[in-house]
Each structure stands twice: as C-alpha cells, then as structure tokens.
C-alpha cells in the first residue's frame, strides 16, 4: 500500500471517530442518571413491550413513584441511546441501571428507598 493510501485511510478513520465521539457527547447529556440523583427512578419503556407493562403494573401495586420515558419518543430515544440500551425496560434507580425485567435486581435497588416489591 502506498503512503498516500495509508494517509487517506487514517484521515477517514480519524474523521469517522471524531463524528462518533461528537455524537456520543451530544447524546450523553440525555442520560437519565443526570436527573435521578441518589433516589430518583426512571423507567425507559415502550408501548409495545409486554415486560414494560408487567413492570409498570408491579410498580403501581407497590406504590413506586417513577418517571416513564417512552423510547419511541424523542426524549426517551435519546435517553435510551445515552445508556446504550439494547432492549426495554431499562430502569434507572439513582445511579444504578437495571436492564430488562429483573425482579431481584429491582427489589435490591428499590429496598433502600423504602419500596417492597411482591
């Protein structure tokens, strides 16, 4: 490979890296952990998600106070990208991320906040 091709390849890789870094920095400002502090609760959810409905019903029965963000909305989608989501639900309890419908993980995270899940 000629030095010119290598230089162009390195330039392209550098530009792509810069674009990715800039986008990640922009999206990071929507990370829900920035708003939850030590005891806030945010659930990233979707209308079409059966496990999300199940978790919302569980939270309702247990009296858990939380904010729901639909990942199909602009704000919810940005929050989902900020936490590098791959599936819903994602629950943010304080600074902890609980991925999926993880009942033991939810119990452990919510217990110090005074919530008792069935």
PDB file of N, CA and C in Angstrom:
ATOM      1  N   UNK A   1       0.845  -1.180   0.000  1.00  0.00           N
ATOM      2  CA  UNK A   1       0.000   0.000   0.000  1.00  0.00           C
ATOM      3  C   UNK A   1       0.891   1.244   0.000  1.00  0.00           C
ATOM      4  N   UNK A   2       0.502   2.209  -0.777  1.00  0.00           N
ATOM      5  CA  UNK A   2       1.304   3.436  -0.833  1.00  0.00           C
ATOM      6  C   UNK A   2       1.041   4.286   0.401  1.00  0.00           C
ATOM      7  N   UNK A   3       1.973   5.160   0.677  1.00  0.00           N
ATOM      8  CA  UNK A   3       1.835   6.033   1.845  1.00  0.00           C
ATOM      9  C   UNK A   3       0.649   6.984   1.685  1.00  0.00           C
ATOM     10  N   UNK A   4       0.320   7.326   0.447  1.00  0.00           N
ATOM     11  CA  UNK A   4      -0.827   8.201   0.194  1.00  0.00           C
ATOM     12  C   UNK A   4      -2.135   7.496   0.576  1.00  0.00           C
ATOM     13  N   UNK A   5      -2.284   6.226   0.219  1.00  0.00           N
ATOM     14  CA  UNK A   5      -3.478   5.451   0.555  1.00  0.00           C
ATOM     15  C   UNK A   5      -3.583   5.291   2.068  1.00  0.00           C
ATOM     16  N   UNK A   6      -2.472   4.992   2.711  1.00  0.00           N
ATOM     17  CA  UNK A   6      -2.463   4.848   4.175  1.00  0.00           C
ATOM     18  C   UNK A   6      -2.867   6.168   4.837  1.00  0.00           C
ATOM     19  N   UNK A   7      -2.333   7.268   4.354  1.00  0.00           N
ATOM     20  CA  UNK A   7      -2.661   8.582   4.918  1.00  0.00           C
ATOM     21  C   UNK A   7      -4.148   8.888   4.750  1.00  0.00           C
ATOM     22  N   UNK A   8      -4.696   8.604   3.573  1.00  0.00           N
ATOM     23  CA  UNK A   8      -6.129   8.834   3.352  1.00  0.00           C
ATOM     24  C   UNK A   8      -6.979   7.933   4.238  1.00  0.00           C
ATOM     25  N   UNK A   9      -6.559   6.693   4.392  1.00  0.00           N
ATOM     26  CA  UNK A   9      -7.283   5.755   5.245  1.00  0.00           C
ATOM     27  C   UNK A   9      -7.270   6.237   6.690  1.00  0.00           C
ATOM     28  N   UNK A  10      -6.116   6.667   7.189  1.00  0.00           N
ATOM     29  CA  UNK A  10      -6.016   7.179   8.567  1.00  0.00           C
ATOM     30  C   UNK A  10      -6.855   8.442   8.748  1.00  0.00           C
ATOM     31  N   UNK A  11      -6.870   9.294   7.746  1.00  0.00           N
ATOM     32  CA  UNK A  11      -7.693  10.508   7.805  1.00  0.00           C
ATOM     33  C   UNK A  11      -9.169  10.145   7.889  1.00  0.00           C
ATOM     34  N   UNK A  12      -9.606   9.187   7.076  1.00  0.00           N
ATOM     35  CA  UNK A  12     -11.015   8.766   7.093  1.00  0.00           C
ATOM     36  C   UNK A  12     -11.379   8.163   8.438  1.00  0.00           C
ATOM     37  N   UNK A  13     -10.519   7.311   8.976  1.00  0.00           N
ATOM     38  CA  UNK A  13     -10.784   6.700  10.283  1.00  0.00           C
ATOM     39  C   UNK A  13     -10.857   7.781  11.362  1.00  0.00           C
ATOM     40  N   UNK A  14      -9.966   8.743  11.299  1.00  0.00           N
ATOM     41  CA  UNK A  14      -9.973   9.840  12.270  1.00  0.00           C
ATOM     42  C   UNK A  14     -11.245  10.669  12.196  1.00  0.00           C
ATOM     43  N   UNK A  15     -11.692  10.963  10.985  1.00  0.00           N
ATOM     44  CA  UNK A  15     -12.922  11.749  10.815  1.00  0.00           C
ATOM     45  C   UNK A  15     -14.142  10.982  11.326  1.00  0.00           C
ATOM     46  N   UNK A  16     -14.201   9.705  11.006  1.00  0.00           N
ATOM     47  CA  UNK A  16     -15.323   8.890  11.486  1.00  0.00           C
ATOM     48  C   UNK A  16     -15.304   8.838  13.011  1.00  0.00           C
ATOM     49  N   UNK A  17     -14.138   8.655  13.589  1.00  0.00           N
ATOM     50  CA  UNK A  17     -14.015   8.636  15.054  1.00  0.00           C
ATOM     51  C   UNK A  17     -14.466   9.944  15.677  1.00  0.00           C
ATOM     52  N   UNK A  18     -14.102  11.056  15.062  1.00  0.00           N
ATOM     53  CA  UNK A  18     -14.498  12.373  15.581  1.00  0.00           C
ATOM     54  C   UNK A  18     -16.012  12.551  15.529  1.00  0.00           C
ATOM     55  N   UNK A  19     -16.635  12.098  14.441  1.00  0.00           N
ATOM     56  CA  UNK A  19     -18.093  12.207  14.314  1.00  0.00           C
ATOM     57  C   UNK A  19     -18.781  11.348  15.380  1.00  0.00           C
ATOM     58  N   UNK A  20     -18.298  10.133  15.573  1.00  0.00           N
ATOM     59  CA  UNK A  20     -18.880   9.243  16.587  1.00  0.00           C
ATOM     60  C   UNK A  20     -18.711   9.847  17.976  1.00  0.00           C
ATOM     61  N   UNK A  21     -17.522  10.344  18.301  1.00  0.00           N
ATOM     62  CA  UNK A  21     -17.266  10.942  19.608  1.00  0.00           C
ATOM     63  C   UNK A  21     -18.186  12.138  19.845  1.00  0.00           C
ATOM     64  N   UNK A  22     -18.338  12.976  18.827  1.00  0.00           N
ATOM     65  CA  UNK A  22     -19.197  14.162  18.966  1.00  0.00           C
ATOM     66  C   UNK A  22     -20.646  13.758  19.218  1.00  0.00           C
ATOM     67  N   UNK A  23     -21.129  12.743  18.503  1.00  0.00           N
ATOM     68  CA  UNK A  23     -22.500  12.275  18.685  1.00  0.00           C
ATOM     69  C   UNK A  23     -22.694  11.680  20.082  1.00  0.00           C
ATOM     70  N   UNK A  24     -21.730  10.910  20.552  1.00  0.00           N
ATOM     71  CA  UNK A  24     -21.830  10.340  21.899  1.00  0.00           C
ATOM     72  C   UNK A  24     -21.836  11.440  22.953  1.00  0.00           C
ATOM     73  N   UNK A  25     -21.042  12.456  22.768  1.00  0.00           N
ATOM     74  CA  UNK A  25     -21.017  13.573  23.710  1.00  0.00           C
ATOM     75  C   UNK A  25     -22.354  14.307  23.708  1.00  0.00           C
ATOM     76  N   UNK A  26     -22.972  14.466  22.538  1.00  0.00           N
ATOM     77  CA  UNK A  26     -24.271  15.141  22.445  1.00  0.00           C
ATOM     78  C   UNK A  26     -25.347  14.326  23.137  1.00  0.00           C
ATOM     79  N   UNK A  27     -25.357  13.031  22.901  1.00  0.00           N
ATOM     80  CA  UNK A  27     -26.378  12.154  23.467  1.00  0.00           C
ATOM     81  C   UNK A  27     -26.196  11.997  24.975  1.00  0.00           C
ATOM     82  N   UNK A  28     -24.962  12.039  25.459  1.00  0.00           N
ATOM     83  CA  UNK A  28     -24.680  11.829  26.885  1.00  0.00           C
ATOM     84  C   UNK A  28     -25.440  12.805  27.781  1.00  0.00           C
ATOM     85  N   UNK A  29     -25.762  13.964  27.277  1.00  0.00           N
ATOM     86  CA  UNK A  29     -26.485  14.945  28.097  1.00  0.00           C
ATOM     87  C   UNK A  29     -27.917  14.496  28.410  1.00  0.00           C
ATOM     88  N   UNK A  30     -28.404  13.460  27.713  1.00  0.00           N
ATOM     89  CA  UNK A  30     -29.754  12.949  27.937  1.00  0.00           C
ATOM     90  C   UNK A  30     -29.768  11.718  28.839  1.00  0.00           C
ATOM     91  N   UNK A  31     -28.623  11.362  29.405  1.00  0.00           N
ATOM     92  CA  UNK A  31     -28.537  10.208  30.300  1.00  0.00           C
ATOM     93  C   UNK A  31     -29.458  10.455  31.499  1.00  0.00           C
ATOM     94  N   UNK A  32     -30.427   9.567  31.740  1.00  0.00           N
ATOM     95  CA  UNK A  32     -31.371   9.796  32.832  1.00  0.00           C
ATOM     96  C   UNK A  32     -30.724   9.824  34.208  1.00  0.00           C
ATOM     97  N   UNK A  33     -29.525   9.265  34.348  1.00  0.00           N
ATOM     98  CA  UNK A  33     -28.839   9.302  35.639  1.00  0.00           C
ATOM     99  C   UNK A  33     -28.476  10.719  36.051  1.00  0.00           C
ATOM    100  N   UNK A  34     -28.437  11.639  35.092  1.00  0.00           N
ATOM    101  CA  UNK A  34     -28.152  13.035  35.426  1.00  0.00           C
ATOM    102  C   UNK A  34     -29.306  13.664  36.193  1.00  0.00           C
ATOM    103  N   UNK A  35     -30.509  13.112  36.042  1.00  0.00           N
ATOM    104  CA  UNK A  35     -31.691  13.683  36.692  1.00  0.00           C
ATOM    105  C   UNK A  35     -32.157  12.887  37.911  1.00  0.00           C
ATOM    106  N   UNK A  36     -31.638  11.669  38.100  1.00  0.00           N
ATOM    107  CA  UNK A  36     -32.166  10.835  39.176  1.00  0.00           C
ATOM    108  C   UNK A  36     -31.495  11.063  40.520  1.00  0.00           C
ATOM    109  N   UNK A  37     -30.312  11.652  40.537  1.00  0.00           N
ATOM    110  CA  UNK A  37     -29.612  11.831  41.801  1.00  0.00           C
ATOM    111  C   UNK A  37     -29.375  10.483  42.465  1.00  0.00           C
ATOM    112  N   UNK A  38     -29.585  10.428  43.792  1.00  0.00           N
ATOM    113  CA  UNK A  38     -29.371   9.179  44.525  1.00  0.00           C
ATOM    114  C   UNK A  38     -30.634   8.350  44.662  1.00  0.00           C
ATOM    115  N   UNK A  39     -31.803   8.986  44.492  1.00  0.00           N
ATOM    116  CA  UNK A  39     -33.022   8.238  44.795  1.00  0.00           C
ATOM    117  C   UNK A  39     -34.150   8.388  43.767  1.00  0.00           C
ATOM    118  N   UNK A  40     -33.874   9.018  42.646  1.00  0.00           N
ATOM    119  CA  UNK A  40     -34.888   9.135  41.600  1.00  0.00           C
ATOM    120  C   UNK A  40     -35.002   7.839  40.811  1.00  0.00           C
ATOM    121  N   UNK A  41     -36.165   7.641  40.194  1.00  0.00           N
ATOM    122  CA  UNK A  41     -36.414   6.420  39.435  1.00  0.00           C
ATOM    123  C   UNK A  41     -36.980   6.803  38.067  1.00  0.00           C
ATOM    124  N   UNK A  42     -36.357   6.282  37.029  1.00  0.00           N
ATOM    125  CA  UNK A  42     -36.809   6.488  35.661  1.00  0.00           C
ATOM    126  C   UNK A  42     -36.878   5.121  34.994  1.00  0.00           C
ATOM    127  N   UNK A  43     -37.972   4.888  34.291  1.00  0.00           N
ATOM    128  CA  UNK A  43     -38.110   3.633  33.547  1.00  0.00           C
ATOM    129  C   UNK A  43     -38.192   3.963  32.068  1.00  0.00           C
ATOM    130  N   UNK A  44     -37.262   3.408  31.293  1.00  0.00           N
ATOM    131  CA  UNK A  44     -37.320   3.527  29.844  1.00  0.00           C
ATOM    132  C   UNK A  44     -38.196   2.386  29.354  1.00  0.00           C
ATOM    133  N   UNK A  45     -39.229   2.731  28.646  1.00  0.00           N
ATOM    134  CA  UNK A  45     -40.291   1.791  28.323  1.00  0.00           C
ATOM    135  C   UNK A  45     -40.731   1.950  26.871  1.00  0.00           C
ATOM    136  N   UNK A  46     -41.617   1.077  26.439  1.00  0.00           N
ATOM    137  CA  UNK A  46     -42.221   1.189  25.111  1.00  0.00           C
ATOM    138  C   UNK A  46     -43.634   0.633  25.187  1.00  0.00           C
ATOM    139  N   UNK A  47     -44.538   1.241  24.442  1.00  0.00           N
ATOM    140  CA  UNK A  47     -45.935   0.809  24.427  1.00  0.00           C
ATOM    141  C   UNK A  47     -46.086  -0.651  24.036  1.00  0.00           C
ATOM    142  N   UNK A  48     -45.271  -1.120  23.135  1.00  0.00           N
ATOM    143  CA  UNK A  48     -45.376  -2.457  22.578  1.00  0.00           C
ATOM    144  C   UNK A  48     -44.708  -3.534  23.431  1.00  0.00           C
ATOM    145  N   UNK A  49     -44.090  -3.140  24.548  1.00  0.00           N
ATOM    146  CA  UNK A  49     -43.294  -4.063  25.364  1.00  0.00           C
ATOM    147  C   UNK A  49     -44.129  -4.696  26.473  1.00  0.00           C
ATOM    148  N   UNK A  50     -44.323  -6.006  26.401  1.00  0.00           N
ATOM    149  CA  UNK A  50     -45.084  -6.720  27.422  1.00  0.00           C
ATOM    150  C   UNK A  50     -44.420  -6.701  28.790  1.00  0.00           C
ATOM    151  N   UNK A  51     -43.098  -6.837  28.833  1.00  0.00           N
ATOM    152  CA  UNK A  51     -42.391  -6.795  30.120  1.00  0.00           C
ATOM    153  C   UNK A  51     -42.483  -5.402  30.748  1.00  0.00           C
ATOM    154  N   UNK A  52     -42.522  -4.369  29.910  1.00  0.00           N
ATOM    155  CA  UNK A  52     -42.687  -2.999  30.426  1.00  0.00           C
ATOM    156  C   UNK A  52     -44.044  -2.864  31.115  1.00  0.00           C
ATOM    157  N   UNK A  53     -45.107  -3.377  30.474  1.00  0.00           N
ATOM    158  CA  UNK A  53     -46.445  -3.323  31.075  1.00  0.00           C
ATOM    159  C   UNK A  53     -46.446  -4.068  32.416  1.00  0.00           C
ATOM    160  N   UNK A  54     -45.815  -5.236  32.431  1.00  0.00           N
ATOM    161  CA  UNK A  54     -45.750  -6.046  33.642  1.00  0.00           C
ATOM    162  C   UNK A  54     -45.030  -5.281  34.763  1.00  0.00           C
ATOM    163  N   UNK A  55     -43.935  -4.634  34.434  1.00  0.00           N
ATOM    164  CA  UNK A  55     -43.189  -3.869  35.435  1.00  0.00           C
ATOM    165  C   UNK A  55     -43.961  -2.642  35.882  1.00  0.00           C
ATOM    166  N   UNK A  56     -44.639  -1.972  34.975  1.00  0.00           N
ATOM    167  CA  UNK A  56     -45.457  -0.816  35.358  1.00  0.00           C
ATOM    168  C   UNK A  56     -46.559  -1.226  36.320  1.00  0.00           C
ATOM    169  N   UNK A  57     -47.195  -2.366  36.069  1.00  0.00           N
ATOM    170  CA  UNK A  57     -48.235  -2.868  36.987  1.00  0.00           C
ATOM    171  C   UNK A  57     -47.643  -3.203  38.346  1.00  0.00           C
ATOM    172  N   UNK A  58     -46.472  -3.786  38.349  1.00  0.00           N
ATOM    173  CA  UNK A  58     -45.778  -4.095  39.596  1.00  0.00           C
ATOM    174  C   UNK A  58     -45.483  -2.820  40.376  1.00  0.00           C
ATOM    175  N   UNK A  59     -44.984  -1.807  39.697  1.00  0.00           N
ATOM    176  CA  UNK A  59     -44.698  -0.526  40.343  1.00  0.00           C
ATOM    177  C   UNK A  59     -45.974   0.113  40.886  1.00  0.00           C
ATOM    178  N   UNK A  60     -47.054   0.031  40.134  1.00  0.00           N
ATOM    179  CA  UNK A  60     -48.333   0.590  40.586  1.00  0.00           C
ATOM    180  C   UNK A  60     -48.779  -0.079  41.890  1.00  0.00           C
ATOM    181  N   UNK A  61     -48.733  -1.415  41.910  1.00  0.00           N
ATOM    182  CA  UNK A  61     -49.155  -2.151  43.114  1.00  0.00           C
ATOM    183  C   UNK A  61     -48.279  -1.827  44.318  1.00  0.00           C
ATOM    184  N   UNK A  62     -46.991  -1.601  44.089  1.00  0.00           N
ATOM    185  CA  UNK A  62     -46.062  -1.332  45.184  1.00  0.00           C
ATOM    186  C   UNK A  62     -45.977   0.160  45.522  1.00  0.00           C
ATOM    187  N   UNK A  63     -46.671   1.006  44.774  1.00  0.00           N
ATOM    188  CA  UNK A  63     -46.648   2.442  45.041  1.00  0.00           C
ATOM    189  C   UNK A  63     -45.331   3.118  44.688  1.00  0.00           C
ATOM    190  N   UNK A  64     -44.594   2.547  43.754  1.00  0.00           N
ATOM    191  CA  UNK A  64     -43.301   3.113  43.355  1.00  0.00           C
ATOM    192  C   UNK A  64     -43.547   4.387  42.541  1.00  0.00           C
ATOM    193  N   UNK A  65     -42.925   5.463  42.985  1.00  0.00           N
ATOM    194  CA  UNK A  65     -43.018   6.733  42.262  1.00  0.00           C
ATOM    195  C   UNK A  65     -41.865   6.802  41.277  1.00  0.00           C
ATOM    196  N   UNK A  66     -42.192   6.901  39.993  1.00  0.00           N
ATOM    197  CA  UNK A  66     -41.173   6.885  38.957  1.00  0.00           C
ATOM    198  C   UNK A  66     -41.630   7.726  37.774  1.00  0.00           C
ATOM    199  N   UNK A  67     -40.688   8.024  36.917  1.00  0.00           N
ATOM    200  CA  UNK A  67     -40.972   8.710  35.662  1.00  0.00           C
ATOM    201  C   UNK A  67     -40.781   7.702  34.541  1.00  0.00           C
ATOM    202  N   UNK A  68     -41.750   7.627  33.637  1.00  0.00           N
ATOM    203  CA  UNK A  68     -41.652   6.733  32.482  1.00  0.00           C
ATOM    204  C   UNK A  68     -41.250   7.549  31.265  1.00  0.00           C
ATOM    205  N   UNK A  69     -40.281   7.042  30.517  1.00  0.00           N
ATOM    206  CA  UNK A  69     -39.876   7.655  29.257  1.00  0.00           C
ATOM    207  C   UNK A  69     -40.053   6.622  28.161  1.00  0.00           C
ATOM    208  N   UNK A  70     -40.900   6.933  27.188  1.00  0.00           N
ATOM    209  CA  UNK A  70     -41.135   6.028  26.066  1.00  0.00           C
ATOM    210  C   UNK A  70     -39.980   6.161  25.084  1.00  0.00           C
ATOM    211  N   UNK A  71     -39.311   5.054  24.798  1.00  0.00           N
ATOM    212  CA  UNK A  71     -38.148   5.096  23.910  1.00  0.00           C
ATOM    213  C   UNK A  71     -38.520   5.445  22.478  1.00  0.00           C
ATOM    214  N   UNK A  72     -39.808   5.402  22.163  1.00  0.00           N
ATOM    215  CA  UNK A  72     -40.247   5.785  20.828  1.00  0.00           C
ATOM    216  C   UNK A  72     -40.498   7.283  20.709  1.00  0.00           C
ATOM    217  N   UNK A  73     -40.345   8.014  21.818  1.00  0.00           N
ATOM    218  CA  UNK A  73     -40.421   9.479  21.778  1.00  0.00           C
ATOM    219  C   UNK A  73     -39.000  10.021  21.614  1.00  0.00           C
ATOM    220  N   UNK A  74     -38.886  11.286  21.280  1.00  0.00           N
ATOM    221  CA  UNK A  74     -37.556  11.865  21.077  1.00  0.00           C
ATOM    222  C   UNK A  74     -36.731  11.829  22.361  1.00  0.00           C
ATOM    223  N   UNK A  75     -37.310  12.298  23.471  1.00  0.00           N
ATOM    224  CA  UNK A  75     -36.565  12.324  24.741  1.00  0.00           C
ATOM    225  C   UNK A  75     -36.222  10.916  25.213  1.00  0.00           C
ATOM    226  N   UNK A  76     -37.171  10.002  25.110  1.00  0.00           N
ATOM    227  CA  UNK A  76     -36.922   8.634  25.531  1.00  0.00           C
ATOM    228  C   UNK A  76     -35.888   7.945  24.655  1.00  0.00           C
ATOM    229  N   UNK A  77     -35.938   8.208  23.363  1.00  0.00           N
ATOM    230  CA  UNK A  77     -34.957   7.621  22.450  1.00  0.00           C
ATOM    231  C   UNK A  77     -33.548   8.113  22.732  1.00  0.00           C
ATOM    232  N   UNK A  78     -33.419   9.397  23.033  1.00  0.00           N
ATOM    233  CA  UNK A  78     -32.105   9.947  23.370  1.00  0.00           C
ATOM    234  C   UNK A  78     -31.593   9.364  24.683  1.00  0.00           C
ATOM    235  N   UNK A  79     -32.488   9.222  25.670  1.00  0.00           N
ATOM    236  CA  UNK A  79     -32.094   8.609  26.945  1.00  0.00           C
ATOM    237  C   UNK A  79     -31.665   7.163  26.730  1.00  0.00           C
ATOM    238  N   UNK A  80     -32.393   6.441  25.885  1.00  0.00           N
ATOM    239  CA  UNK A  80     -32.083   5.044  25.570  1.00  0.00           C
ATOM    240  C   UNK A  80     -30.695   4.933  24.937  1.00  0.00           C
ATOM    241  N   UNK A  81     -30.411   5.835  24.015  1.00  0.00           N
ATOM    242  CA  UNK A  81     -29.090   5.831  23.379  1.00  0.00           C
ATOM    243  C   UNK A  81     -28.003   6.214  24.365  1.00  0.00           C
ATOM    244  N   UNK A  82     -28.305   7.140  25.278  1.00  0.00           N
ATOM    245  CA  UNK A  82     -27.302   7.592  26.246  1.00  0.00           C
ATOM    246  C   UNK A  82     -26.855   6.467  27.181  1.00  0.00           C
ATOM    247  N   UNK A  83     -27.771   5.563  27.507  1.00  0.00           N
ATOM    248  CA  UNK A  83     -27.402   4.437  28.384  1.00  0.00           C
ATOM    249  C   UNK A  83     -27.037   3.198  27.569  1.00  0.00           C
ATOM    250  N   UNK A  84     -26.912   3.401  26.266  1.00  0.00           N
ATOM    251  CA  UNK A  84     -26.556   2.322  25.335  1.00  0.00           C
ATOM    252  C   UNK A  84     -27.514   1.147  25.451  1.00  0.00           C
ATOM    253  N   UNK A  85     -28.799   1.495  25.403  1.00  0.00           N
ATOM    254  CA  UNK A  85     -29.833   0.484  25.510  1.00  0.00           C
ATOM    255  C   UNK A  85     -29.885  -0.424  24.300  1.00  0.00           C
ATOM    256  N   UNK A  86     -30.279  -1.653  24.568  1.00  0.00           N
ATOM    257  CA  UNK A  86     -30.483  -2.637  23.501  1.00  0.00           C
ATOM    258  C   UNK A  86     -31.891  -3.201  23.556  1.00  0.00           C
ATOM    259  N   UNK A  87     -32.516  -3.118  24.725  1.00  0.00           N
ATOM    260  CA  UNK A  87     -33.863  -3.639  24.911  1.00  0.00           C
ATOM    261  C   UNK A  87     -34.499  -2.890  26.076  1.00  0.00           C
ATOM    262  N   UNK A  88     -35.806  -2.950  26.160  1.00  0.00           N
ATOM    263  CA  UNK A  88     -36.539  -2.349  27.267  1.00  0.00           C
ATOM    264  C   UNK A  88     -37.210  -3.463  28.059  1.00  0.00           C
ATOM    265  N   UNK A  89     -37.553  -3.225  29.297  1.00  0.00           N
ATOM    266  CA  UNK A  89     -37.354  -1.990  30.046  1.00  0.00           C
ATOM    267  C   UNK A  89     -35.912  -1.835  30.533  1.00  0.00           C
ATOM    268  N   UNK A  90     -35.545  -0.583  30.730  1.00  0.00           N
ATOM    269  CA  UNK A  90     -34.331  -0.234  31.453  1.00  0.00           C
ATOM    270  C   UNK A  90     -34.800   0.673  32.581  1.00  0.00           C
ATOM    271  N   UNK A  91     -34.443   0.329  33.789  1.00  0.00           N
ATOM    272  CA  UNK A  91     -34.861   1.118  34.933  1.00  0.00           C
ATOM    273  C   UNK A  91     -33.635   1.740  35.572  1.00  0.00           C
ATOM    274  N   UNK A  92     -33.707   3.037  35.808  1.00  0.00           N
ATOM    275  CA  UNK A  92     -32.635   3.765  36.463  1.00  0.00           C
ATOM    276  C   UNK A  92     -33.115   4.068  37.876  1.00  0.00           C
ATOM    277  N   UNK A  93     -32.408   3.516  38.850  1.00  0.00           N
ATOM    278  CA  UNK A  93     -32.710   3.767  40.262  1.00  0.00           C
ATOM    279  C   UNK A  93     -31.476   4.449  40.832  1.00  0.00           C
ATOM    280  N   UNK A  94     -31.616   5.760  41.098  1.00  0.00           N
ATOM    281  CA  UNK A  94     -30.442   6.526  41.495  1.00  0.00           C
ATOM    282  C   UNK A  94     -29.447   6.504  40.357  1.00  0.00           C
ATOM    283  N   UNK A  95     -28.281   5.948  40.596  1.00  0.00           N
ATOM    284  CA  UNK A  95     -27.246   5.870  39.568  1.00  0.00           C
ATOM    285  C   UNK A  95     -27.088   4.449  39.018  1.00  0.00           C
ATOM    286  N   UNK A  96     -27.965   3.556  39.444  1.00  0.00           N
ATOM    287  CA  UNK A  96     -27.881   2.163  39.022  1.00  0.00           C
ATOM    288  C   UNK A  96     -28.802   1.893  37.837  1.00  0.00           C
ATOM    289  N   UNK A  97     -28.288   1.148  36.842  1.00  0.00           N
ATOM    290  CA  UNK A  97     -29.083   0.728  35.694  1.00  0.00           C
ATOM    291  C   UNK A  97     -29.499  -0.727  35.889  1.00  0.00           C
ATOM    292  N   UNK A  98     -30.778  -0.977  35.705  1.00  0.00           N
ATOM    293  CA  UNK A  98     -31.285  -2.347  35.747  1.00  0.00           C
ATOM    294  C   UNK A  98     -31.848  -2.623  34.365  1.00  0.00           C
ATOM    295  N   UNK A  99     -31.231  -3.552  33.671  1.00  0.00           N
ATOM    296  CA  UNK A  99     -31.611  -3.849  32.295  1.00  0.00           C
ATOM    297  C   UNK A  99     -32.556  -5.033  32.261  1.00  0.00           C
ATOM    298  N   UNK A 100     -33.661  -4.862  31.549  1.00  0.00           N
ATOM    299  CA  UNK A 100     -34.640  -5.933  31.424  1.00  0.00           C
ATOM    300  C   UNK A 100     -35.565  -6.011  32.626  1.00  0.00           C
ATOM    301  N   UNK A 101     -36.461  -6.981  32.574  1.00  0.00           N
ATOM    302  CA  UNK A 101     -37.385  -7.209  33.692  1.00  0.00           C
ATOM    303  C   UNK A 101     -36.660  -8.113  34.682  1.00  0.00           C
ATOM    304  N   UNK A 102     -35.903  -7.491  35.574  1.00  0.00           N
ATOM    305  CA  UNK A 102     -35.044  -8.180  36.529  1.00  0.00           C
ATOM    306  C   UNK A 102     -35.613  -7.967  37.929  1.00  0.00           C
ATOM    307  N   UNK A 103     -36.535  -8.824  38.311  1.00  0.00           N
ATOM    308  CA  UNK A 103     -37.221  -8.659  39.595  1.00  0.00           C
ATOM    309  C   UNK A 103     -36.258  -8.647  40.784  1.00  0.00           C
ATOM    310  N   UNK A 104     -35.302  -9.577  40.886  1.00  0.00           N
ATOM    311  CA  UNK A 104     -34.360  -9.499  42.015  1.00  0.00           C
ATOM    312  C   UNK A 104     -33.544  -8.202  42.003  1.00  0.00           C
ATOM    313  N   UNK A 105     -33.106  -7.775  40.823  1.00  0.00           N
ATOM    314  CA  UNK A 105     -32.350  -6.526  40.725  1.00  0.00           C
ATOM    315  C   UNK A 105     -33.187  -5.318  41.124  1.00  0.00           C
ATOM    316  N   UNK A 106     -34.450  -5.310  40.716  1.00  0.00           N
ATOM    317  CA  UNK A 106     -35.353  -4.218  41.098  1.00  0.00           C
ATOM    318  C   UNK A 106     -35.580  -4.204  42.602  1.00  0.00           C
ATOM    319  N   UNK A 107     -35.821  -5.382  43.177  1.00  0.00           N
ATOM    320  CA  UNK A 107     -36.021  -5.467  44.640  1.00  0.00           C
ATOM    321  C   UNK A 107     -34.815  -4.908  45.383  1.00  0.00           C
ATOM    322  N   UNK A 108     -33.613  -5.340  44.972  1.00  0.00           N
ATOM    323  CA  UNK A 108     -32.390  -4.890  45.641  1.00  0.00           C
ATOM    324  C   UNK A 108     -32.194  -3.379  45.522  1.00  0.00           C
ATOM    325  N   UNK A 109     -32.495  -2.823  44.355  1.00  0.00           N
ATOM    326  CA  UNK A 109     -32.292  -1.390  44.135  1.00  0.00           C
ATOM    327  C   UNK A 109     -33.344  -0.540  44.838  1.00  0.00           C
ATOM    328  N   UNK A 110     -34.580  -1.055  44.923  1.00  0.00           N
ATOM    329  CA  UNK A 110     -35.676  -0.262  45.488  1.00  0.00           C
ATOM    330  C   UNK A 110     -35.800  -0.390  47.004  1.00  0.00           C
ATOM    331  N   UNK A 111     -35.314  -1.471  47.570  1.00  0.00           N
ATOM    332  CA  UNK A 111     -35.421  -1.689  49.019  1.00  0.00           C
ATOM    333  C   UNK A 111     -34.841  -0.526  49.836  1.00  0.00           C
ATOM    334  N   UNK A 112     -33.625  -0.021  49.524  1.00  0.00           N
ATOM    335  CA  UNK A 112     -33.086   1.098  50.305  1.00  0.00           C
ATOM    336  C   UNK A 112     -33.929   2.376  50.204  1.00  0.00           C
ATOM    337  N   UNK A 113     -34.785   2.451  49.196  1.00  0.00           N
ATOM    338  CA  UNK A 113     -35.650   3.638  49.035  1.00  0.00           C
ATOM    339  C   UNK A 113     -36.991   3.450  49.726  1.00  0.00           C
ATOM    340  N   UNK A 114     -37.163   2.310  50.405  1.00  0.00           N
ATOM    341  CA  UNK A 114     -38.384   2.081  51.164  1.00  0.00           C
ATOM    342  C   UNK A 114     -39.483   1.357  50.414  1.00  0.00           C
ATOM    343  N   UNK A 115     -39.181   0.844  49.232  1.00  0.00           N
ATOM    344  CA  UNK A 115     -40.182   0.126  48.454  1.00  0.00           C
ATOM    345  C   UNK A 115     -40.019  -1.370  48.649  1.00  0.00           C
ATOM    346  N   UNK A 116     -41.151  -2.047  48.707  1.00  0.00           N
ATOM    347  CA  UNK A 116     -41.136  -3.504  48.845  1.00  0.00           C
ATOM    348  C   UNK A 116     -41.956  -4.096  47.689  1.00  0.00           C
ATOM    349  N   UNK A 117     -41.251  -4.771  46.790  1.00  0.00           N
ATOM    350  CA  UNK A 117     -41.930  -5.387  45.653  1.00  0.00           C
ATOM    351  C   UNK A 117     -42.393  -6.790  46.038  1.00  0.00           C
ATOM    352  N   UNK A 118     -43.579  -7.171  45.548  1.00  0.00           N
ATOM    353  CA  UNK A 118     -44.066  -8.533  45.848  1.00  0.00           C
ATOM    354  C   UNK A 118     -43.195  -9.602  45.210  1.00  0.00           C
TER     355      UNK A 118
END
